[in-house]
Protein backbone atom coordinates (compact mmCIF):
# COMPACT_ATOMS: atom_id res chain seq x y z
CA UNK A 1 97.66 111.71 -64.78
CA UNK A 2 99.86 108.68 -65.26
CA UNK A 3 103.62 108.72 -65.58
CA UNK A 4 106.15 106.13 -66.71
CA UNK A 5 106.30 105.01 -63.09
CA UNK A 6 102.56 104.51 -62.93
CA UNK A 7 99.87 106.22 -60.94
CA UNK A 8 101.08 106.29 -57.35
CA UNK A 9 98.68 106.34 -54.41
CA UNK A 10 100.10 106.90 -50.94
CA UNK A 11 98.19 106.17 -47.73
CA UNK A 12 99.59 107.99 -44.72
CA UNK A 13 99.64 105.96 -41.50
CA UNK A 14 100.21 107.20 -37.99
CA UNK A 15 99.64 106.18 -34.39
CA UNK A 16 95.92 105.94 -33.54
CA UNK A 17 94.75 106.02 -37.16
CA UNK A 18 91.55 104.02 -37.53
CA UNK A 19 92.24 100.54 -38.92
CA UNK A 20 89.50 100.44 -41.56
CA UNK A 21 90.29 103.98 -42.69
CA UNK A 22 93.68 102.61 -43.73
CA UNK A 23 93.04 99.05 -44.87
CA UNK A 24 89.66 99.67 -46.54
CA UNK A 25 91.02 102.06 -49.18
CA UNK A 26 94.24 100.02 -49.38
CA UNK A 27 92.31 96.85 -50.24
CA UNK A 28 90.31 98.61 -52.95
CA UNK A 29 93.25 100.44 -54.49
CA UNK A 30 95.60 97.46 -54.35
CA UNK A 31 92.92 95.30 -56.00
CA UNK A 32 92.59 98.01 -58.64
CA UNK A 33 96.16 97.27 -59.69
CA UNK A 34 95.06 93.68 -60.45
CA UNK A 35 92.14 94.78 -62.64
CA UNK A 36 93.43 97.91 -64.32
CA UNK A 37 93.50 97.63 -68.09
CA UNK A 38 96.95 97.73 -69.64
CA UNK A 39 95.52 100.00 -72.32
CA UNK A 40 94.72 102.64 -69.69
CA UNK A 41 98.42 103.25 -69.13
CA UNK A 42 97.76 103.94 -65.44
CA UNK A 43 99.67 101.03 -63.86
CA UNK A 44 98.31 102.02 -60.43
CA UNK A 45 100.13 101.04 -57.27
CA UNK A 46 99.52 101.89 -53.64
CA UNK A 47 101.96 102.32 -50.76
CA UNK A 48 101.60 102.97 -47.07
CA UNK A 49 103.97 105.44 -45.48
CA UNK A 50 104.57 107.03 -42.11
CA UNK A 51 106.40 110.22 -41.26
CA UNK A 52 109.67 108.43 -40.51
CA UNK A 53 109.03 105.00 -42.02
CA UNK A 54 108.71 103.39 -38.59
CA UNK A 55 105.86 101.15 -37.59
CA UNK A 56 102.68 102.56 -36.08
CA UNK A 57 100.04 101.32 -33.65
CA UNK A 58 96.55 101.90 -35.03
CA UNK A 59 93.53 102.89 -32.97
CA UNK A 60 92.38 99.41 -31.97
CA UNK A 61 95.82 97.93 -31.48
CA UNK A 62 96.80 96.70 -34.94
CA UNK A 63 100.48 97.28 -35.60
CA UNK A 64 101.48 98.19 -39.12
CA UNK A 65 104.90 98.51 -40.73
CA UNK A 66 104.60 100.93 -43.66
CA UNK A 67 106.45 100.46 -46.91
CA UNK A 68 108.05 103.90 -46.92
CA UNK A 69 108.72 107.13 -45.07
CA UNK A 70 107.42 110.56 -46.03
CA UNK A 71 110.86 111.42 -47.36
CA UNK A 72 111.08 108.47 -49.76
CA UNK A 73 107.47 107.90 -50.76
CA UNK A 74 108.11 110.07 -53.82
CA UNK A 75 105.64 112.20 -55.79
CA UNK A 76 102.05 111.04 -55.40
CA UNK A 77 99.07 111.29 -57.70
CA UNK A 78 96.70 110.60 -54.81
CA UNK A 79 97.29 111.04 -51.07
CA UNK A 80 94.84 109.25 -48.78
CA UNK A 81 94.66 110.71 -45.27
CA UNK A 82 92.84 108.42 -42.79
CA UNK A 83 91.01 109.42 -39.65
CA UNK A 84 91.06 108.16 -36.10
CA UNK A 85 91.97 109.58 -32.71
CA UNK A 86 95.49 110.26 -33.92
CA UNK A 87 94.19 113.11 -36.05
CA UNK A 88 93.69 115.18 -32.89
CA UNK A 89 97.47 115.25 -32.50
CA UNK A 90 97.97 116.10 -36.17
CA UNK A 91 95.50 119.00 -36.02
CA UNK A 92 97.73 120.72 -33.46
CA UNK A 93 101.07 119.87 -35.09
CA UNK A 94 102.22 123.00 -36.97
CA UNK A 95 105.11 121.21 -38.67
CA UNK A 96 102.85 118.43 -39.90
CA UNK A 97 100.29 120.91 -41.22
CA UNK A 98 103.02 122.75 -43.12
CA UNK A 99 104.23 119.42 -44.56
CA UNK A 100 100.67 118.69 -45.68
CA UNK A 101 100.37 122.08 -47.37
CA UNK A 102 103.62 121.46 -49.22
CA UNK A 103 102.55 117.98 -50.31
CA UNK A 104 99.22 119.39 -51.45
CA UNK A 105 100.97 121.67 -53.94
CA UNK A 106 102.40 118.74 -55.88
CA UNK A 107 99.65 116.15 -55.38
CA UNK A 108 96.76 116.24 -57.87
CA UNK A 109 94.20 114.56 -55.58
CA UNK A 110 94.02 114.76 -51.81
CA UNK A 111 91.55 112.34 -50.22
CA UNK A 112 90.56 112.01 -46.58
CA UNK A 113 88.60 109.39 -44.69
CA UNK A 114 86.56 110.12 -41.58
CA UNK A 115 88.29 112.63 -39.27
CA UNK A 116 91.19 112.97 -41.67
CA UNK A 117 89.13 115.92 -42.92
CA UNK A 118 89.84 117.73 -39.64
CA UNK A 119 93.54 117.79 -40.45
CA UNK A 120 92.90 118.98 -43.99
CA UNK A 121 90.77 121.78 -42.55
CA UNK A 122 93.41 122.69 -39.97
CA UNK A 123 95.90 123.04 -42.81
CA UNK A 124 93.52 125.41 -44.59
CA UNK A 125 92.88 122.99 -47.44
CA UNK A 126 89.09 122.84 -47.12
CA UNK A 127 88.37 126.56 -46.84
CA UNK A 128 85.15 127.44 -48.63
CA UNK A 129 84.82 123.94 -50.04
CA UNK A 130 82.19 121.22 -49.65
CA UNK A 131 83.39 118.32 -47.51
CA UNK A 132 82.29 115.63 -45.12
CA UNK A 133 83.65 113.73 -42.15
CA UNK A 134 82.44 111.30 -39.48
CA UNK A 135 78.97 112.30 -38.37
CA UNK A 136 80.16 112.73 -34.78
CA UNK A 137 82.71 115.30 -35.91
CA UNK A 138 80.65 117.80 -37.92
CA UNK A 139 80.79 120.37 -35.12
CA UNK A 140 84.52 119.86 -34.70
CA UNK A 141 85.10 120.40 -38.41
CA UNK A 142 82.97 123.56 -38.34
CA UNK A 143 84.93 124.86 -35.35
CA UNK A 144 88.25 124.34 -37.12
CA UNK A 145 87.09 126.14 -40.27
CA UNK A 146 83.59 127.65 -40.32
CA UNK A 147 83.86 128.26 -44.07
CA UNK A 148 83.74 124.54 -44.88
CA UNK A 149 80.41 123.58 -46.45
CA UNK A 150 79.68 120.37 -44.56
CA UNK A 151 77.62 117.73 -46.34
CA UNK A 152 75.87 115.66 -43.69
CA UNK A 153 74.20 113.27 -46.14
CA UNK A 154 76.91 112.10 -48.55
CA UNK A 155 79.11 109.04 -48.10
CA UNK A 156 81.83 111.01 -49.86
CA UNK A 157 82.19 114.43 -51.45
CA UNK A 158 84.20 114.83 -54.65
CA UNK A 159 85.28 118.43 -55.12
CA UNK A 160 87.76 117.75 -57.89
CA UNK A 161 91.23 117.87 -56.39
CA UNK A 162 89.94 117.21 -52.86
CA UNK A 163 87.75 114.22 -52.00
CA UNK A 164 86.48 113.62 -48.47
CA UNK A 165 84.70 110.56 -47.09
CA UNK A 166 82.39 110.20 -44.12
CA UNK A 167 83.06 107.78 -41.29
CA UNK A 168 85.24 104.68 -41.45
CA UNK A 169 83.65 102.28 -43.99
CA UNK A 170 82.82 105.21 -46.28
CA UNK A 171 86.50 105.15 -47.24
CA UNK A 172 85.79 101.98 -49.22
CA UNK A 173 83.07 103.76 -51.19
CA UNK A 174 85.37 106.70 -51.79
CA UNK A 175 88.17 104.45 -53.01
CA UNK A 176 85.83 102.67 -55.43
CA UNK A 177 84.71 106.07 -56.66
CA UNK A 178 88.32 107.05 -57.29
CA UNK A 179 88.84 103.89 -59.34
CA UNK A 180 85.74 104.71 -61.40
CA UNK A 181 86.80 108.31 -61.83
CA UNK A 182 90.45 107.68 -62.66
CA UNK A 183 89.91 104.63 -64.86
CA UNK A 184 86.32 103.48 -65.44
CA UNK A 185 83.10 102.38 -63.72
CA UNK A 186 83.61 98.92 -65.27
CA UNK A 187 86.94 98.47 -63.52
CA UNK A 188 85.46 99.77 -60.27
CA UNK A 189 82.69 97.18 -60.53
CA UNK A 190 85.28 94.47 -61.13
CA UNK A 191 87.17 95.56 -58.02
CA UNK A 192 83.98 95.62 -55.97
CA UNK A 193 83.12 92.10 -57.12
CA UNK A 194 86.62 90.86 -56.37
CA UNK A 195 86.54 92.07 -52.78
CA UNK A 196 82.90 90.94 -52.41
CA UNK A 197 81.83 94.31 -51.11
CA UNK A 198 78.07 94.70 -50.72
CA UNK A 199 77.17 97.98 -49.07
CA UNK A 200 73.56 97.04 -48.36
CA UNK A 201 73.30 96.77 -44.55
CA UNK A 202 72.50 93.28 -43.23
CA UNK A 203 69.93 94.56 -40.71
């Protein structure tokens, strides 16, 4: 899956995207670049991008200036689509859904976090497939596409070229899974140790 330019992961950002949906996977995948073995040939790197390259205001007020626009982000190996209230706008945006379908054709892995799955479903990309989303949005996902096989137990669902994560912090688990899948469990464990991520709840 690698190229001479390395394995490129793009995280789409938009107004009202959930902060942790964006920065959780970003932290994991950026740390991956520090731990990836040179012998793997992957040379992973991660970029944030927005539709026009302009800054966005995330759901809880964080402002983020992405590295690129959709036009110059280039071919991706993995596209991460976060959730948040902003997805409700995306679900109804015909031009955006067509863009997503076009990107899907040339992107080997499409990954969503939380309600990002709603947009994937609205674009017809989850039809007949297993998937998950935030637990408060199962009914909404089913209403968008009744053919989606919703997994209400999993933290993430890997269906090969489409990977969906449950709510918010589950995006970290999904990103670690992608590291393990695309490189190795050993590297994923090294990343997890580096970011001191312990998923056992404190209470």
